[in-house]
Structures are given as C-alpha cells and as structure tokens.
Amino acid sequence: MPAQRLLVIADAHIGSAPKANEAALLRFLREAPGMGDALLVTGDLFEFWFGWRRVVPRRGVAVAAALAELAARIPVSMVGGNHDRWGRPAWADDTEITWSRGQLELKVGKRRVLALHGDGVAERPGRVSWSHRLVSQPLTAGTFSLLHPDFGMWLVDRLSPWLGELHSTPAQQAASAARQLAYAQRRLATDPDPWMLIMGHTHVPAL
C-alpha cells in the first residue's frame, strides 16, 4: 500500500557531524513509525560509507543498525549520495531497505514521487564537479574495494577536504541551490507526471 505520510531526511553526514546530531537522529528513527508510515533517505546519511563484502564501517554503525531495524517496521527507501553511494551490499542485500545509487521512484498516496541526491546537477564547474564524476565511476568503486578498509578510511579522511565542498561560502551554496532549483523546474516541465521531485545535497532548504 502506498505511503500516505512520507518522512524525508538527507545530509546528516554521520561520522563527521557532532555526536548530538547522531543521538537526535537515533531518537528520530525510533519514533518515526509514530510520525509517518514510510521513510525516504535522499543521500549523504553518512559522511562516508562503503559496502565492503564482509566489513561494515565502524562510524555510524548505530545509525545503520537503527535504520535496518526501522525497515522491518515501515518501508524505508534510500538513495545514495556523493558521500555514501557505494552501499549496495549493506542495504539492498542484507536489509529490507529499497536502495538505489542514483534515483528512486515511489508512490505517496496516488502520486508519483522521484527522489535523487542532487549532486551532479548543482556543482559549479571545476575541481568539485570533476571529483564528483570521478568517484561516481564503477571502476573507482571497484578499485577502492580492493583496499584494506582501515587504509581506505584513512585515505578518505585525507582526500575529503580536497574532493568535497567543505569550504563553500554561503554565496556558493546559494548558487548551487539555484542551479538545483533550475534543474528541478526543467525536469518537472519535461516530465510532468511526477507530483514531486525530492533532492538533498546543497544543504539549503527550498520548496
């Protein structure tokens, strides 16, 4: 039965966010069934997450366990973000979570909803745009999977400031949000069937 009350979260960046944020998110996940009847996660739930075949990243493991437990109670859908797009073994194979690395389509009532993280449509040209394309390649993920997890996580910690947008100014964030809004308007104009398009990524709220 399609959800009537859809809860949406994005960009918690568990692993780099303050511990208080993680505690608040865990409370939210425990109480979610009383607030809605389905949950959508639109990417970057974790600062970094990789779906090794036999290893689960230590950072954020409490959130991962809570999310898997919630999925046994209400439908949970998750779209990968540019920080946690490589999670298929942990989500699609081992839990009841509906997972996609790119975009998902779901129903809310009788309405069609499209969900994606939003990276790739809002980056300004240059280093960040190039790095997002690089890390989205299957070859990159395949190569990374061959590394020892401890070394892989160490490498991510060293490269994240260079690959990401940690030092974006408010003006740059606003420009990214404007590009994302323009993309949403074009997408909904060319494909008028979706009732709603949900994205995260820019950390700037807009409707």
C-alpha atoms as a PDB file:
ATOM      1  CA  MET A   1       0.000   0.000   0.000  1.00  0.00           C
ATOM      2  CA  PRO A   2       1.498   3.408  -0.950  1.00  0.00           C
ATOM      3  CA  ALA A   3       2.640   5.649   1.884  1.00  0.00           C
ATOM      4  CA  GLN A   4       0.288   8.404   2.948  1.00  0.00           C
ATOM      5  CA  ARG A   5       2.771  10.243   5.209  1.00  0.00           C
ATOM      6  CA  LEU A   6       6.319  10.205   3.863  1.00  0.00           C
ATOM      7  CA  LEU A   7       9.173  11.222   6.149  1.00  0.00           C
ATOM      8  CA  VAL A   8      12.305  12.571   4.432  1.00  0.00           C
ATOM      9  CA  ILE A   9      15.836  13.007   5.753  1.00  0.00           C
ATOM     10  CA  ALA A  10      19.097  13.848   3.997  1.00  0.00           C
ATOM     11  CA  ASP A  11      22.635  15.043   4.557  1.00  0.00           C
ATOM     12  CA  ALA A  12      23.084  14.043   8.185  1.00  0.00           C
ATOM     13  CA  HIS A  13      26.772  13.267   7.429  1.00  0.00           C
ATOM     14  CA  ILE A  14      27.041  10.894  10.371  1.00  0.00           C
ATOM     15  CA  GLY A  15      30.706  10.305  11.079  1.00  0.00           C
ATOM     16  CA  SER A  16      31.687  13.950  10.859  1.00  0.00           C
ATOM     17  CA  ALA A  17      28.623  15.579  12.436  1.00  0.00           C
ATOM     18  CA  PRO A  18      28.570  16.252  16.204  1.00  0.00           C
ATOM     19  CA  LYS A  19      27.605  13.320  18.420  1.00  0.00           C
ATOM     20  CA  ALA A  20      24.498  15.242  19.478  1.00  0.00           C
ATOM     21  CA  ASN A  21      23.289  15.113  15.876  1.00  0.00           C
ATOM     22  CA  GLU A  22      23.726  11.348  15.785  1.00  0.00           C
ATOM     23  CA  ALA A  23      21.827  10.981  19.061  1.00  0.00           C
ATOM     24  CA  ALA A  24      18.984  13.121  17.705  1.00  0.00           C
ATOM     25  CA  LEU A  25      18.841  11.065  14.522  1.00  0.00           C
ATOM     26  CA  LEU A  26      18.674   7.831  16.522  1.00  0.00           C
ATOM     27  CA  ARG A  27      15.750   9.250  18.527  1.00  0.00           C
ATOM     28  CA  PHE A  28      14.044  10.236  15.295  1.00  0.00           C
ATOM     29  CA  LEU A  29      14.450   6.746  13.826  1.00  0.00           C
ATOM     30  CA  ARG A  30      12.983   5.172  16.973  1.00  0.00           C
ATOM     31  CA  GLU A  31       9.975   7.486  16.855  1.00  0.00           C
ATOM     32  CA  ALA A  32       9.498   7.508  13.051  1.00  0.00           C
ATOM     33  CA  PRO A  33       6.657   4.944  12.916  1.00  0.00           C
ATOM     34  CA  GLY A  34       4.540   7.276  15.047  1.00  0.00           C
ATOM     35  CA  MET A  35       5.144  10.214  12.706  1.00  0.00           C
ATOM     36  CA  GLY A  36       4.808   8.633   9.267  1.00  0.00           C
ATOM     37  CA  ASP A  37       4.311   5.355   7.501  1.00  0.00           C
ATOM     38  CA  ALA A  38       7.384   5.418   5.237  1.00  0.00           C
ATOM     39  CA  LEU A  39      10.874   6.946   5.289  1.00  0.00           C
ATOM     40  CA  LEU A  40      12.949   8.289   2.408  1.00  0.00           C
ATOM     41  CA  VAL A  41      16.682   8.971   2.818  1.00  0.00           C
ATOM     42  CA  THR A  42      17.978  11.100  -0.042  1.00  0.00           C
ATOM     43  CA  GLY A  43      21.699  10.600   0.349  1.00  0.00           C
ATOM     44  CA  ASP A  44      24.701  11.550   2.468  1.00  0.00           C
ATOM     45  CA  LEU A  45      23.255   9.981   5.576  1.00  0.00           C
ATOM     46  CA  PHE A  46      26.895   9.187   6.341  1.00  0.00           C
ATOM     47  CA  GLU A  47      29.998  11.278   5.814  1.00  0.00           C
ATOM     48  CA  PHE A  48      31.398   8.167   4.170  1.00  0.00           C
ATOM     49  CA  TRP A  49      30.034   4.672   3.688  1.00  0.00           C
ATOM     50  CA  PHE A  50      31.334   1.826   1.577  1.00  0.00           C
ATOM     51  CA  GLY A  51      29.726  -1.565   1.038  1.00  0.00           C
ATOM     52  CA  TRP A  52      32.608  -3.962   1.542  1.00  0.00           C
ATOM     53  CA  ARG A  53      31.500  -7.571   1.244  1.00  0.00           C
ATOM     54  CA  ARG A  54      32.369  -8.553   4.828  1.00  0.00           C
ATOM     55  CA  VAL A  55      33.088  -5.295   6.646  1.00  0.00           C
ATOM     56  CA  VAL A  56      30.753  -2.613   7.999  1.00  0.00           C
ATOM     57  CA  PRO A  57      32.282   0.839   8.663  1.00  0.00           C
ATOM     58  CA  ARG A  58      32.537   1.495  12.391  1.00  0.00           C
ATOM     59  CA  ARG A  59      31.481   5.119  12.092  1.00  0.00           C
ATOM     60  CA  GLY A  60      27.725   5.349  12.080  1.00  0.00           C
ATOM     61  CA  VAL A  61      27.138   1.662  12.775  1.00  0.00           C
ATOM     62  CA  ALA A  62      24.475   2.523  15.384  1.00  0.00           C
ATOM     63  CA  VAL A  63      22.557   4.543  12.785  1.00  0.00           C
ATOM     64  CA  ALA A  64      22.911   1.769  10.226  1.00  0.00           C
ATOM     65  CA  ALA A  65      21.524  -0.773  12.706  1.00  0.00           C
ATOM     66  CA  ALA A  66      18.638   1.519  13.672  1.00  0.00           C
ATOM     67  CA  LEU A  67      17.786   2.102  10.019  1.00  0.00           C
ATOM     68  CA  ALA A  68      17.764  -1.632   9.302  1.00  0.00           C
ATOM     69  CA  GLU A  69      15.536  -2.219  12.322  1.00  0.00           C
ATOM     70  CA  LEU A  70      13.159   0.524  11.200  1.00  0.00           C
ATOM     71  CA  ALA A  71      12.915  -1.038   7.731  1.00  0.00           C
ATOM     72  CA  ALA A  72      11.388  -4.119   9.353  1.00  0.00           C
ATOM     73  CA  ARG A  73       8.577  -1.909  10.708  1.00  0.00           C
ATOM     74  CA  ILE A  74       7.852   0.590   7.920  1.00  0.00           C
ATOM     75  CA  PRO A  75       9.053   0.879   4.298  1.00  0.00           C
ATOM     76  CA  VAL A  76      12.434   2.602   4.042  1.00  0.00           C
ATOM     77  CA  SER A  77      13.879   3.829   0.736  1.00  0.00           C
ATOM     78  CA  MET A  78      17.392   5.167   0.323  1.00  0.00           C
ATOM     79  CA  VAL A  79      19.194   6.968  -2.493  1.00  0.00           C
ATOM     80  CA  GLY A  80      22.971   7.106  -2.375  1.00  0.00           C
ATOM     81  CA  GLY A  81      24.692  10.462  -2.131  1.00  0.00           C
ATOM     82  CA  ASN A  82      28.142  11.539  -3.247  1.00  0.00           C
ATOM     83  CA  HIS A  83      29.425  10.542   0.228  1.00  0.00           C
ATOM     84  CA  ASP A  84      27.679   7.160   0.560  1.00  0.00           C
ATOM     85  CA  ARG A  85      26.745   5.905  -2.897  1.00  0.00           C
ATOM     86  CA  TRP A  86      28.656   2.620  -2.566  1.00  0.00           C
ATOM     87  CA  GLY A  87      26.436   0.819  -0.076  1.00  0.00           C
ATOM     88  CA  ARG A  88      24.607  -1.840  -2.038  1.00  0.00           C
ATOM     89  CA  PRO A  89      25.761  -4.991  -0.165  1.00  0.00           C
ATOM     90  CA  ALA A  90      24.832  -3.484   3.197  1.00  0.00           C
ATOM     91  CA  TRP A  91      21.421  -2.162   2.176  1.00  0.00           C
ATOM     92  CA  ALA A  92      19.902  -3.948  -0.807  1.00  0.00           C
ATOM     93  CA  ASP A  93      21.287  -7.383   0.024  1.00  0.00           C
ATOM     94  CA  ASP A  94      21.204  -7.522   3.835  1.00  0.00           C
ATOM     95  CA  THR A  95      18.196  -5.406   4.871  1.00  0.00           C
ATOM     96  CA  GLU A  96      14.640  -4.677   3.782  1.00  0.00           C
ATOM     97  CA  ILE A  97      15.652  -1.215   2.597  1.00  0.00           C
ATOM     98  CA  THR A  98      14.874  -0.283  -1.006  1.00  0.00           C
ATOM     99  CA  TRP A  99      18.159   1.153  -2.237  1.00  0.00           C
ATOM    100  CA  SER A 100      19.432   2.873  -5.381  1.00  0.00           C
ATOM    101  CA  ARG A 101      22.748   4.536  -6.116  1.00  0.00           C
ATOM    102  CA  GLY A 102      21.092   7.025  -8.499  1.00  0.00           C
ATOM    103  CA  GLN A 103      17.387   7.739  -8.223  1.00  0.00           C
ATOM    104  CA  LEU A 104      14.200   6.109  -6.974  1.00  0.00           C
ATOM    105  CA  GLU A 105      10.571   6.351  -7.906  1.00  0.00           C
ATOM    106  CA  LEU A 106       7.944   5.784  -5.237  1.00  0.00           C
ATOM    107  CA  LYS A 107       4.283   6.420  -4.550  1.00  0.00           C
ATOM    108  CA  VAL A 108       2.850   8.747  -1.940  1.00  0.00           C
ATOM    109  CA  GLY A 109      -0.888   8.210  -1.897  1.00  0.00           C
ATOM    110  CA  LYS A 110      -1.756   8.125  -5.574  1.00  0.00           C
ATOM    111  CA  ARG A 111       1.092  10.438  -6.526  1.00  0.00           C
ATOM    112  CA  ARG A 112       4.386   9.608  -8.228  1.00  0.00           C
ATOM    113  CA  VAL A 113       7.484  10.924  -6.479  1.00  0.00           C
ATOM    114  CA  LEU A 114      11.044  10.962  -7.816  1.00  0.00           C
ATOM    115  CA  ALA A 115      13.975  11.064  -5.405  1.00  0.00           C
ATOM    116  CA  LEU A 116      17.674  11.672  -6.052  1.00  0.00           C
ATOM    117  CA  HIS A 117      20.506  13.110  -4.027  1.00  0.00           C
ATOM    118  CA  GLY A 118      21.100  16.101  -6.283  1.00  0.00           C
ATOM    119  CA  ASP A 119      24.846  16.019  -6.835  1.00  0.00           C
ATOM    120  CA  GLY A 120      25.854  16.320 -10.461  1.00  0.00           C
ATOM    121  CA  VAL A 121      23.176  18.931 -11.149  1.00  0.00           C
ATOM    122  CA  ALA A 122      24.328  21.668  -8.773  1.00  0.00           C
ATOM    123  CA  GLU A 123      28.136  21.737  -8.818  1.00  0.00           C
ATOM    124  CA  ARG A 124      29.937  24.740 -10.168  1.00  0.00           C
ATOM    125  CA  PRO A 125      32.388  23.887 -12.969  1.00  0.00           C
ATOM    126  CA  GLY A 126      35.864  22.934 -11.826  1.00  0.00           C
ATOM    127  CA  ARG A 127      37.527  20.638  -9.314  1.00  0.00           C
ATOM    128  CA  VAL A 128      34.443  19.641  -7.322  1.00  0.00           C
ATOM    129  CA  SER A 129      32.388  18.819 -10.404  1.00  0.00           C
ATOM    130  CA  TRP A 130      35.264  16.723 -11.762  1.00  0.00           C
ATOM    131  CA  SER A 131      35.779  14.903  -8.460  1.00  0.00           C
ATOM    132  CA  HIS A 132      32.077  14.004  -8.213  1.00  0.00           C
ATOM    133  CA  ARG A 133      32.190  12.444 -11.662  1.00  0.00           C
ATOM    134  CA  LEU A 134      35.333  10.541 -10.743  1.00  0.00           C
ATOM    135  CA  VAL A 135      34.011   8.994  -7.532  1.00  0.00           C
ATOM    136  CA  SER A 136      30.749   8.003  -9.249  1.00  0.00           C
ATOM    137  CA  GLN A 137      32.527   5.717 -11.689  1.00  0.00           C
ATOM    138  CA  PRO A 138      32.149   1.931 -11.124  1.00  0.00           C
ATOM    139  CA  LEU A 139      35.867   1.497 -11.786  1.00  0.00           C
ATOM    140  CA  THR A 140      36.690   3.858  -8.909  1.00  0.00           C
ATOM    141  CA  ALA A 141      34.476   1.903  -6.515  1.00  0.00           C
ATOM    142  CA  GLY A 142      35.888  -1.406  -7.730  1.00  0.00           C
ATOM    143  CA  THR A 143      39.445  -0.241  -7.169  1.00  0.00           C
ATOM    144  CA  PHE A 144      38.611   1.110  -3.723  1.00  0.00           C
ATOM    145  CA  SER A 145      37.038  -2.228  -2.729  1.00  0.00           C
ATOM    146  CA  LEU A 146      40.465  -3.877  -3.100  1.00  0.00           C
ATOM    147  CA  LEU A 147      41.975  -1.680  -0.371  1.00  0.00           C
ATOM    148  CA  HIS A 148      42.112  -2.768   3.258  1.00  0.00           C
ATOM    149  CA  PRO A 149      39.187  -0.980   4.997  1.00  0.00           C
ATOM    150  CA  ASP A 150      41.421   0.738   7.566  1.00  0.00           C
ATOM    151  CA  PHE A 151      43.639   2.117   4.822  1.00  0.00           C
ATOM    152  CA  GLY A 152      40.603   3.022   2.697  1.00  0.00           C
ATOM    153  CA  MET A 153      39.025   5.030   5.516  1.00  0.00           C
ATOM    154  CA  TRP A 154      42.360   6.735   6.238  1.00  0.00           C
ATOM    155  CA  LEU A 155      42.642   7.677   2.564  1.00  0.00           C
ATOM    156  CA  VAL A 156      39.116   9.087   2.511  1.00  0.00           C
ATOM    157  CA  ASP A 157      39.864  11.234   5.556  1.00  0.00           C
ATOM    158  CA  ARG A 158      42.892  12.702   3.790  1.00  0.00           C
ATOM    159  CA  LEU A 159      41.170  13.303   0.450  1.00  0.00           C
ATOM    160  CA  SER A 160      37.756  14.529   1.625  1.00  0.00           C
ATOM    161  CA  PRO A 161      38.769  18.184   2.173  1.00  0.00           C
ATOM    162  CA  TRP A 162      40.173  18.274  -1.363  1.00  0.00           C
ATOM    163  CA  LEU A 163      37.338  16.416  -3.077  1.00  0.00           C
ATOM    164  CA  GLY A 164      34.382  17.969  -1.276  1.00  0.00           C
ATOM    165  CA  GLU A 165      32.834  21.382  -0.682  1.00  0.00           C
ATOM    166  CA  LEU A 166      33.651  21.800   2.998  1.00  0.00           C
ATOM    167  CA  HIS A 167      34.791  25.358   2.449  1.00  0.00           C
ATOM    168  CA  SER A 168      31.877  26.615   0.351  1.00  0.00           C
ATOM    169  CA  THR A 169      30.762  30.133   1.192  1.00  0.00           C
ATOM    170  CA  PRO A 170      27.086  30.972   1.758  1.00  0.00           C
ATOM    171  CA  ALA A 171      27.083  32.639  -1.664  1.00  0.00           C
ATOM    172  CA  GLN A 172      28.426  29.496  -3.321  1.00  0.00           C
ATOM    173  CA  GLN A 173      25.842  27.367  -1.513  1.00  0.00           C
ATOM    174  CA  ALA A 174      23.080  29.694  -2.667  1.00  0.00           C
ATOM    175  CA  ALA A 175      24.344  29.469  -6.259  1.00  0.00           C
ATOM    176  CA  SER A 176      24.343  25.656  -6.056  1.00  0.00           C
ATOM    177  CA  ALA A 177      20.799  25.713  -4.698  1.00  0.00           C
ATOM    178  CA  ALA A 178      19.717  27.976  -7.555  1.00  0.00           C
ATOM    179  CA  ARG A 179      21.206  25.583 -10.114  1.00  0.00           C
ATOM    180  CA  GLN A 180      19.460  22.680  -8.414  1.00  0.00           C
ATOM    181  CA  LEU A 181      16.130  24.519  -8.446  1.00  0.00           C
ATOM    182  CA  ALA A 182      16.553  25.278 -12.151  1.00  0.00           C
ATOM    183  CA  TYR A 183      17.228  21.589 -12.799  1.00  0.00           C
ATOM    184  CA  ALA A 184      14.103  20.595 -10.861  1.00  0.00           C
ATOM    185  CA  GLN A 185      11.975  23.042 -12.823  1.00  0.00           C
ATOM    186  CA  ARG A 186      13.305  21.714 -16.144  1.00  0.00           C
ATOM    187  CA  ARG A 187      12.829  18.112 -15.048  1.00  0.00           C
ATOM    188  CA  LEU A 188       9.249  18.639 -13.945  1.00  0.00           C
ATOM    189  CA  ALA A 189       8.456  20.631 -17.091  1.00  0.00           C
ATOM    190  CA  THR A 190       9.721  17.931 -19.444  1.00  0.00           C
ATOM    191  CA  ASP A 191       8.243  15.059 -17.418  1.00  0.00           C
ATOM    192  CA  PRO A 192       5.034  16.487 -15.939  1.00  0.00           C
ATOM    193  CA  ASP A 193       3.824  13.194 -14.475  1.00  0.00           C
ATOM    194  CA  PRO A 194       5.803  13.357 -11.196  1.00  0.00           C
ATOM    195  CA  TRP A 195       3.955  15.227  -8.497  1.00  0.00           C
ATOM    196  CA  MET A 196       7.127  15.865  -6.534  1.00  0.00           C
ATOM    197  CA  LEU A 197      10.897  15.796  -7.032  1.00  0.00           C
ATOM    198  CA  ILE A 198      12.916  15.428  -3.809  1.00  0.00           C
ATOM    199  CA  MET A 199      16.624  16.202  -3.584  1.00  0.00           C
ATOM    200  CA  GLY A 200      19.244  16.921  -0.929  1.00  0.00           C
ATOM    201  CA  HIS A 201      22.936  17.760  -1.305  1.00  0.00           C
ATOM    202  CA  THR A 202      23.037  21.576  -1.224  1.00  0.00           C
ATOM    203  CA  HIS A 203      22.134  21.871   2.495  1.00  0.00           C
ATOM    204  CA  VAL A 204      19.865  24.784   1.504  1.00  0.00           C
ATOM    205  CA  PRO A 205      16.134  24.243   2.143  1.00  0.00           C
ATOM    206  CA  ALA A 206      13.784  25.146  -0.691  1.00  0.00           C
ATOM    207  CA  LEU A 207      10.303  24.230  -1.878  1.00  0.00           C
END
